[in-house]
Amino acid sequence: MAVAGASTMNLDAMRELRFARYCMRCGAATERRYLEHEGQERAVCPQCGWVHYPHLKVGAGVLIECGGRLLLLRRAHPPWPGAWNLPAGYVEIDEPPERAAAREAREETGLEVRIVRLVDARFFADDPRGNGLLLVYRAEVMGGQLRAADETDAVAFCAPDELPADLAGGAHDVVIRAWAAGKYAG
């Protein structure tokens, strides 16, 4: 599906992200070296031997249902401005994913939620900020007041047959359609 404002990094640009230019230990310029034991090229520091291992971005989101409808947010900013997604965001380096999911729900919707369980984990490669993994949790509303936050310009509860046409990437579209098909029921 094409979404206005969405862009996918070209393969060459994505490959370049795999190579740190400078060593995180000593600051020296790195070199690309083929590591025989790994079967691939890595950025390696010629001074101290540090090897750069790039990581996926990890996001955490929530499925919040009310009366058979799913809470969706319309994005106000890139990527995918105007497209709809779940309450979600990136996990901080020192934060458990389920805590990040609850935090993002609070920040983006004003709702306090209790994480019930992990329902899905989806790889995505369509985000211009880099590839990642979206962890999706079922959540139960415990309190708060529903509102649109700065990152969103609208919130809506949608039935499976009322989903907006423009769904955001980053695995949100796949998860929302799976919810509509009943994959996460029960």
Foldseek 3Di string as FASTA:
>chain_A
DDFPQFFFDDPVVQVVVQEDQADPPPGHGWDWDQDPVVRGIFTARPPPGDTGGDDAWEKEEEFEADPQWTKWFQFCDDDRHRAIFTQMDTADPPGDRVVRHQVSCCQAFQFGKDFDAWQDKDWFRRHPVGTHIYIYTYIYTDDGDTDGHPRGDDMDTGHLVRHDPGHDGPCRVVVSNCVSVVSRPD
